[in-house]
N, C-alpha and C. Protein backbone atom coordinates (compact mmCIF):
# COMPACT_ATOMS: atom_id res chain seq x y z
N MET A 1 0.83 -1.20 -0.02
CA MET A 1 -0.01 0.00 -0.03
C MET A 1 0.85 1.22 -0.03
N ALA A 2 0.76 2.07 -0.99
CA ALA A 2 1.61 3.28 -1.06
C ALA A 2 0.78 4.46 -0.72
N THR A 3 1.11 5.18 0.36
CA THR A 3 0.31 6.31 0.81
C THR A 3 1.32 7.48 1.12
N TYR A 4 0.68 8.65 1.25
CA TYR A 4 1.43 9.90 1.60
C TYR A 4 1.18 10.03 3.15
N ASP A 5 2.10 10.72 3.82
CA ASP A 5 1.89 11.03 5.21
C ASP A 5 2.77 12.20 5.58
N ASN A 6 2.10 13.34 5.89
CA ASN A 6 2.76 14.53 6.42
C ASN A 6 3.90 15.04 5.43
N THR A 7 3.56 15.08 4.18
CA THR A 7 4.59 15.52 3.26
C THR A 7 4.65 17.10 3.20
N GLN A 8 5.80 17.60 2.83
CA GLN A 8 5.96 18.95 2.58
C GLN A 8 6.44 19.01 1.08
N SER A 9 5.81 19.89 0.32
CA SER A 9 6.14 19.94 -1.16
C SER A 9 6.41 21.35 -1.54
N VAL A 10 7.07 21.45 -2.71
CA VAL A 10 7.33 22.74 -3.33
C VAL A 10 7.00 22.54 -4.83
N THR A 11 6.81 23.66 -5.49
CA THR A 11 6.59 23.56 -6.98
C THR A 11 7.84 24.01 -7.68
N LEU A 12 8.30 23.25 -8.70
CA LEU A 12 9.47 23.53 -9.50
C LEU A 12 9.06 23.33 -10.97
N MET A 13 9.45 24.24 -11.79
CA MET A 13 9.22 24.10 -13.18
C MET A 13 10.10 22.94 -13.76
N ALA A 14 9.52 22.13 -14.66
CA ALA A 14 10.24 21.10 -15.31
C ALA A 14 11.31 21.58 -16.33
N GLY A 15 12.53 21.18 -16.11
CA GLY A 15 13.57 21.48 -17.04
C GLY A 15 13.74 20.54 -18.18
N ALA A 16 12.87 19.54 -18.29
CA ALA A 16 12.86 18.51 -19.29
C ALA A 16 11.49 17.91 -19.31
N ASP A 17 11.27 17.00 -20.21
CA ASP A 17 9.98 16.28 -20.27
C ASP A 17 10.00 15.19 -19.10
N LEU A 18 9.27 15.46 -18.11
CA LEU A 18 9.23 14.60 -16.97
C LEU A 18 7.92 13.79 -16.88
N SER A 19 7.28 13.72 -17.98
CA SER A 19 5.91 13.11 -18.04
C SER A 19 5.90 11.61 -17.71
N GLU A 20 7.04 10.95 -17.76
CA GLU A 20 7.11 9.60 -17.31
C GLU A 20 7.94 9.37 -16.10
N ARG A 21 8.12 10.44 -15.29
CA ARG A 21 8.98 10.41 -14.05
C ARG A 21 8.20 10.60 -12.81
N GLN A 22 6.85 10.44 -12.80
CA GLN A 22 6.11 10.54 -11.52
C GLN A 22 6.61 9.55 -10.50
N TYR A 23 6.66 10.00 -9.30
CA TYR A 23 7.23 9.22 -8.09
C TYR A 23 8.67 8.81 -8.26
N ARG A 24 9.50 9.72 -8.89
CA ARG A 24 10.86 9.52 -9.02
C ARG A 24 11.63 10.64 -8.47
N PHE A 25 12.88 10.48 -8.01
CA PHE A 25 13.67 11.47 -7.47
C PHE A 25 14.00 12.47 -8.59
N VAL A 26 14.15 13.79 -8.20
CA VAL A 26 14.56 14.81 -9.14
C VAL A 26 15.55 15.76 -8.41
N THR A 27 16.28 16.41 -9.21
CA THR A 27 17.27 17.40 -8.69
C THR A 27 17.07 18.69 -9.41
N VAL A 28 17.69 19.76 -9.01
CA VAL A 28 17.53 21.03 -9.52
C VAL A 28 18.70 21.42 -10.45
N ASP A 29 18.47 21.85 -11.65
CA ASP A 29 19.57 22.32 -12.54
C ASP A 29 20.04 23.68 -12.29
N ALA A 30 20.95 24.17 -13.06
CA ALA A 30 21.49 25.52 -12.91
C ALA A 30 20.50 26.67 -13.11
N THR A 31 19.40 26.27 -13.70
CA THR A 31 18.32 27.33 -14.03
C THR A 31 17.27 27.25 -12.94
N GLY A 32 17.40 26.34 -12.04
CA GLY A 32 16.33 26.24 -10.93
C GLY A 32 15.18 25.35 -11.33
N ARG A 33 15.35 24.53 -12.32
CA ARG A 33 14.29 23.65 -12.75
C ARG A 33 14.50 22.13 -12.37
N ALA A 34 13.43 21.41 -12.25
CA ALA A 34 13.50 19.98 -11.85
C ALA A 34 13.96 19.13 -13.06
N VAL A 35 14.90 18.30 -12.82
CA VAL A 35 15.46 17.37 -13.87
C VAL A 35 15.85 16.04 -13.20
N ALA A 36 16.10 15.08 -14.10
CA ALA A 36 16.51 13.68 -13.59
C ALA A 36 17.87 13.91 -12.87
N PRO A 37 18.12 13.13 -11.83
CA PRO A 37 19.43 13.26 -11.08
C PRO A 37 20.45 12.30 -11.70
N ALA A 38 21.67 12.51 -11.33
CA ALA A 38 22.76 11.57 -11.61
C ALA A 38 22.61 10.41 -10.52
N ALA A 39 23.17 9.29 -10.96
CA ALA A 39 23.01 8.16 -9.98
C ALA A 39 23.82 8.43 -8.71
N GLY A 40 23.27 8.24 -7.58
CA GLY A 40 23.90 8.44 -6.29
C GLY A 40 23.92 9.88 -5.79
N ALA A 41 23.33 10.84 -6.59
CA ALA A 41 23.44 12.18 -6.28
C ALA A 41 22.53 12.63 -5.18
N ALA A 42 22.77 13.85 -4.64
CA ALA A 42 21.85 14.52 -3.74
C ALA A 42 20.60 15.01 -4.62
N VAL A 43 19.42 14.97 -4.10
CA VAL A 43 18.31 15.37 -4.84
C VAL A 43 17.51 16.45 -4.10
N ALA A 44 16.58 17.03 -4.92
CA ALA A 44 15.61 18.07 -4.27
C ALA A 44 14.47 17.36 -3.62
N GLY A 45 14.06 16.23 -4.20
CA GLY A 45 12.87 15.48 -3.64
C GLY A 45 12.33 14.54 -4.68
N VAL A 46 11.04 14.23 -4.48
CA VAL A 46 10.37 13.24 -5.31
C VAL A 46 9.19 13.87 -6.10
N LEU A 47 9.22 13.71 -7.41
CA LEU A 47 8.26 14.28 -8.30
C LEU A 47 6.85 13.61 -8.03
N GLN A 48 5.81 14.40 -7.88
CA GLN A 48 4.44 13.80 -7.59
C GLN A 48 3.52 13.87 -8.77
N ASN A 49 3.87 14.64 -9.78
CA ASN A 49 3.00 14.66 -10.96
C ASN A 49 3.83 14.33 -12.23
N ASP A 50 3.32 14.64 -13.38
CA ASP A 50 4.03 14.29 -14.67
C ASP A 50 4.11 15.46 -15.59
N PRO A 51 4.87 16.44 -15.24
CA PRO A 51 4.94 17.63 -16.09
C PRO A 51 5.86 17.43 -17.35
N THR A 52 5.52 18.21 -18.36
CA THR A 52 6.40 18.28 -19.50
C THR A 52 7.25 19.48 -19.38
N LEU A 53 8.22 19.72 -20.27
CA LEU A 53 9.17 20.82 -20.24
C LEU A 53 8.37 22.19 -20.02
N GLY A 54 8.82 22.91 -18.95
CA GLY A 54 8.23 24.19 -18.64
C GLY A 54 6.96 24.21 -17.85
N GLN A 55 6.34 23.01 -17.58
CA GLN A 55 5.17 22.91 -16.76
C GLN A 55 5.59 22.78 -15.24
N ALA A 56 4.66 23.12 -14.34
CA ALA A 56 4.89 22.96 -12.88
C ALA A 56 4.99 21.60 -12.47
N GLY A 57 6.02 21.30 -11.70
CA GLY A 57 6.13 20.01 -11.09
C GLY A 57 5.98 20.09 -9.55
N LEU A 58 5.20 19.22 -9.00
CA LEU A 58 5.07 19.25 -7.55
C LEU A 58 6.08 18.17 -6.94
N VAL A 59 6.97 18.71 -6.04
CA VAL A 59 8.02 17.82 -5.53
C VAL A 59 7.98 17.74 -4.10
N ASP A 60 7.77 16.51 -3.56
CA ASP A 60 7.76 16.24 -2.16
C ASP A 60 9.29 16.45 -1.61
N ILE A 61 9.53 17.21 -0.57
CA ILE A 61 10.86 17.39 -0.08
C ILE A 61 11.00 16.86 1.37
N ALA A 62 9.88 16.46 1.97
CA ALA A 62 9.91 15.95 3.35
C ALA A 62 8.65 15.11 3.56
N GLY A 63 8.79 14.10 4.55
CA GLY A 63 7.64 13.31 4.89
C GLY A 63 7.71 11.92 4.26
N ILE A 64 6.56 11.21 4.24
CA ILE A 64 6.47 9.84 3.67
C ILE A 64 5.91 10.01 2.29
N THR A 65 6.57 9.54 1.29
CA THR A 65 6.09 9.78 -0.17
C THR A 65 6.26 8.41 -0.91
N LYS A 66 5.59 8.40 -2.04
CA LYS A 66 5.66 7.32 -3.02
C LYS A 66 6.98 7.48 -3.82
N VAL A 67 7.67 6.37 -4.04
CA VAL A 67 8.89 6.38 -4.94
C VAL A 67 8.87 5.04 -5.66
N VAL A 68 9.27 5.12 -6.96
CA VAL A 68 9.46 3.94 -7.74
C VAL A 68 10.77 3.22 -7.42
N ALA A 69 10.74 1.95 -7.05
CA ALA A 69 11.91 1.14 -6.85
C ALA A 69 12.63 0.82 -8.15
N GLY A 70 13.91 0.79 -8.09
CA GLY A 70 14.68 0.52 -9.25
C GLY A 70 15.36 -0.92 -9.23
N ALA A 71 15.16 -1.57 -8.13
CA ALA A 71 15.69 -2.91 -7.85
C ALA A 71 15.05 -3.41 -6.61
N ALA A 72 15.41 -4.60 -6.15
CA ALA A 72 14.80 -5.09 -4.87
C ALA A 72 15.31 -4.15 -3.73
N VAL A 73 14.40 -3.69 -2.96
CA VAL A 73 14.71 -2.85 -1.80
C VAL A 73 13.91 -3.44 -0.63
N THR A 74 14.52 -3.55 0.56
CA THR A 74 13.93 -4.10 1.72
C THR A 74 13.46 -3.08 2.67
N THR A 75 12.41 -3.33 3.41
CA THR A 75 11.99 -2.46 4.45
C THR A 75 13.09 -2.09 5.44
N GLY A 76 13.32 -0.75 5.68
CA GLY A 76 14.36 -0.37 6.62
C GLY A 76 15.63 0.01 5.91
N ALA A 77 15.80 -0.34 4.68
CA ALA A 77 17.02 0.00 3.98
C ALA A 77 17.08 1.44 3.65
N ARG A 78 18.31 2.06 3.75
CA ARG A 78 18.49 3.44 3.27
C ARG A 78 18.59 3.36 1.80
N VAL A 79 17.92 4.39 1.13
CA VAL A 79 17.88 4.37 -0.34
C VAL A 79 18.63 5.53 -0.98
N MET A 80 18.98 5.35 -2.23
CA MET A 80 19.68 6.39 -3.01
C MET A 80 18.89 6.36 -4.39
N THR A 81 19.37 7.23 -5.27
CA THR A 81 18.70 7.30 -6.57
C THR A 81 19.55 6.71 -7.70
N THR A 82 18.86 6.19 -8.70
CA THR A 82 19.54 5.78 -9.94
C THR A 82 19.58 6.99 -10.81
N ASN A 83 20.14 6.88 -11.99
CA ASN A 83 20.15 8.00 -12.94
C ASN A 83 18.85 8.24 -13.62
N VAL A 84 17.89 7.53 -13.31
CA VAL A 84 16.47 7.79 -13.82
C VAL A 84 15.52 8.10 -12.68
N GLY A 85 16.11 8.28 -11.41
CA GLY A 85 15.28 8.67 -10.33
C GLY A 85 14.59 7.61 -9.55
N LYS A 86 14.99 6.36 -9.77
CA LYS A 86 14.37 5.18 -8.94
C LYS A 86 15.19 5.06 -7.68
N ALA A 87 14.41 4.50 -6.72
CA ALA A 87 15.14 4.19 -5.39
C ALA A 87 15.75 2.79 -5.40
N ILE A 88 17.04 2.79 -5.05
CA ILE A 88 17.73 1.57 -4.82
C ILE A 88 18.45 1.61 -3.44
N THR A 89 18.85 0.46 -2.94
CA THR A 89 19.54 0.44 -1.69
C THR A 89 20.83 1.28 -1.83
N ALA A 90 21.04 2.12 -0.78
CA ALA A 90 22.15 3.07 -0.83
C ALA A 90 23.48 2.32 -0.55
N THR A 91 24.46 2.83 -1.23
CA THR A 91 25.88 2.33 -1.01
C THR A 91 26.71 3.41 -0.27
N SER A 92 27.85 3.00 0.20
CA SER A 92 28.64 3.90 1.15
C SER A 92 29.20 5.17 0.47
N THR A 93 29.24 5.28 -0.82
CA THR A 93 29.81 6.35 -1.50
C THR A 93 28.79 7.29 -2.16
N ASN A 94 27.48 6.99 -1.88
CA ASN A 94 26.46 7.84 -2.47
C ASN A 94 25.59 8.50 -1.50
N HIS A 95 24.70 9.46 -1.90
CA HIS A 95 23.90 10.17 -1.02
C HIS A 95 22.70 9.31 -0.60
N SER A 96 22.47 9.20 0.74
CA SER A 96 21.31 8.51 1.28
C SER A 96 20.17 9.53 1.28
N LEU A 97 19.04 9.07 0.76
CA LEU A 97 17.93 10.00 0.62
C LEU A 97 16.73 9.69 1.54
N GLY A 98 16.69 8.56 2.14
CA GLY A 98 15.65 8.16 2.97
C GLY A 98 15.63 6.70 3.34
N VAL A 99 14.53 6.29 4.03
CA VAL A 99 14.43 4.89 4.47
C VAL A 99 13.21 4.26 3.84
N ALA A 100 13.38 3.12 3.27
CA ALA A 100 12.24 2.38 2.66
C ALA A 100 11.32 1.85 3.76
N LEU A 101 10.00 2.11 3.65
CA LEU A 101 9.04 1.72 4.58
C LEU A 101 8.35 0.45 4.09
N GLU A 102 8.75 0.00 2.92
CA GLU A 102 8.14 -1.19 2.34
C GLU A 102 9.19 -1.96 1.49
N THR A 103 8.99 -3.25 1.39
CA THR A 103 9.90 -3.96 0.48
C THR A 103 9.23 -3.86 -0.91
N GLY A 104 10.17 -3.76 -1.93
CA GLY A 104 9.67 -3.66 -3.30
C GLY A 104 10.65 -4.18 -4.31
N ALA A 105 10.19 -4.43 -5.43
CA ALA A 105 11.06 -4.88 -6.53
C ALA A 105 11.03 -3.81 -7.67
N ASP A 106 11.82 -4.00 -8.72
CA ASP A 106 11.97 -3.06 -9.75
C ASP A 106 10.52 -2.64 -10.29
N ASN A 107 10.43 -1.35 -10.41
CA ASN A 107 9.20 -0.67 -10.89
C ASN A 107 8.01 -0.73 -9.99
N ARG A 108 8.18 -1.24 -8.82
CA ARG A 108 7.07 -1.15 -7.80
C ARG A 108 7.15 0.20 -7.05
N VAL A 109 5.92 0.75 -6.79
CA VAL A 109 5.90 1.98 -6.06
C VAL A 109 5.88 1.60 -4.56
N ILE A 110 6.85 2.18 -3.79
CA ILE A 110 6.92 1.93 -2.41
C ILE A 110 6.82 3.19 -1.65
N ARG A 111 6.67 3.04 -0.31
CA ARG A 111 6.74 4.27 0.60
C ARG A 111 8.18 4.49 1.05
N VAL A 112 8.54 5.69 1.03
CA VAL A 112 9.88 6.11 1.54
C VAL A 112 9.76 7.24 2.48
N LEU A 113 10.46 7.25 3.62
CA LEU A 113 10.49 8.34 4.50
C LEU A 113 11.69 9.16 4.10
N LEU A 114 11.43 10.33 3.55
CA LEU A 114 12.52 11.14 3.10
C LEU A 114 13.34 11.62 4.18
N GLN A 115 14.72 11.40 4.16
CA GLN A 115 15.60 11.76 5.15
C GLN A 115 16.96 11.95 4.51
N PRO A 116 17.20 13.05 3.72
CA PRO A 116 18.45 13.25 3.10
C PRO A 116 19.50 13.57 4.18
N THR A 117 20.50 12.70 4.19
CA THR A 117 21.47 12.86 5.30
C THR A 117 22.94 12.94 4.75
N GLY A 118 23.06 12.98 3.45
CA GLY A 118 24.39 12.98 2.95
C GLY A 118 24.92 11.60 2.57
N VAL A 119 26.20 11.40 2.56
CA VAL A 119 26.74 10.14 2.15
C VAL A 119 26.53 9.04 3.28
N VAL A 120 26.26 7.83 2.84
CA VAL A 120 25.97 6.67 3.79
C VAL A 120 27.37 6.41 4.43
N PRO A 121 27.45 6.28 5.75
CA PRO A 121 28.61 5.91 6.42
C PRO A 121 29.13 4.54 5.98
N ALA A 122 30.36 4.29 5.84
CA ALA A 122 30.96 2.97 5.46
C ALA A 122 30.80 1.97 6.58
């Protein structure tokens, strides 16, 4: 069951066609627009709608939100982003973005508690 809980959101203009990126991590480019992140990067939050270039995107920046898994993720695992914004288990050299509240496989929408804390300790 994927649900929202106490989220805090901001609106960012889409810097690319994000119409197939709902529930994926996004970052902010040099012009202040939401775009797909680099793998393991710090992010702005999770896109909640499906904007095309120049349209407003709603981005959850705190709370419990839906995120598409990019591989098998277990409940309680810290997650990071792939280069297409999916959540995978965080590694020690990448940015940890939150905690999985559900177990999920590739392309399953899971609940994640957003907690960007920087690089996962080794």
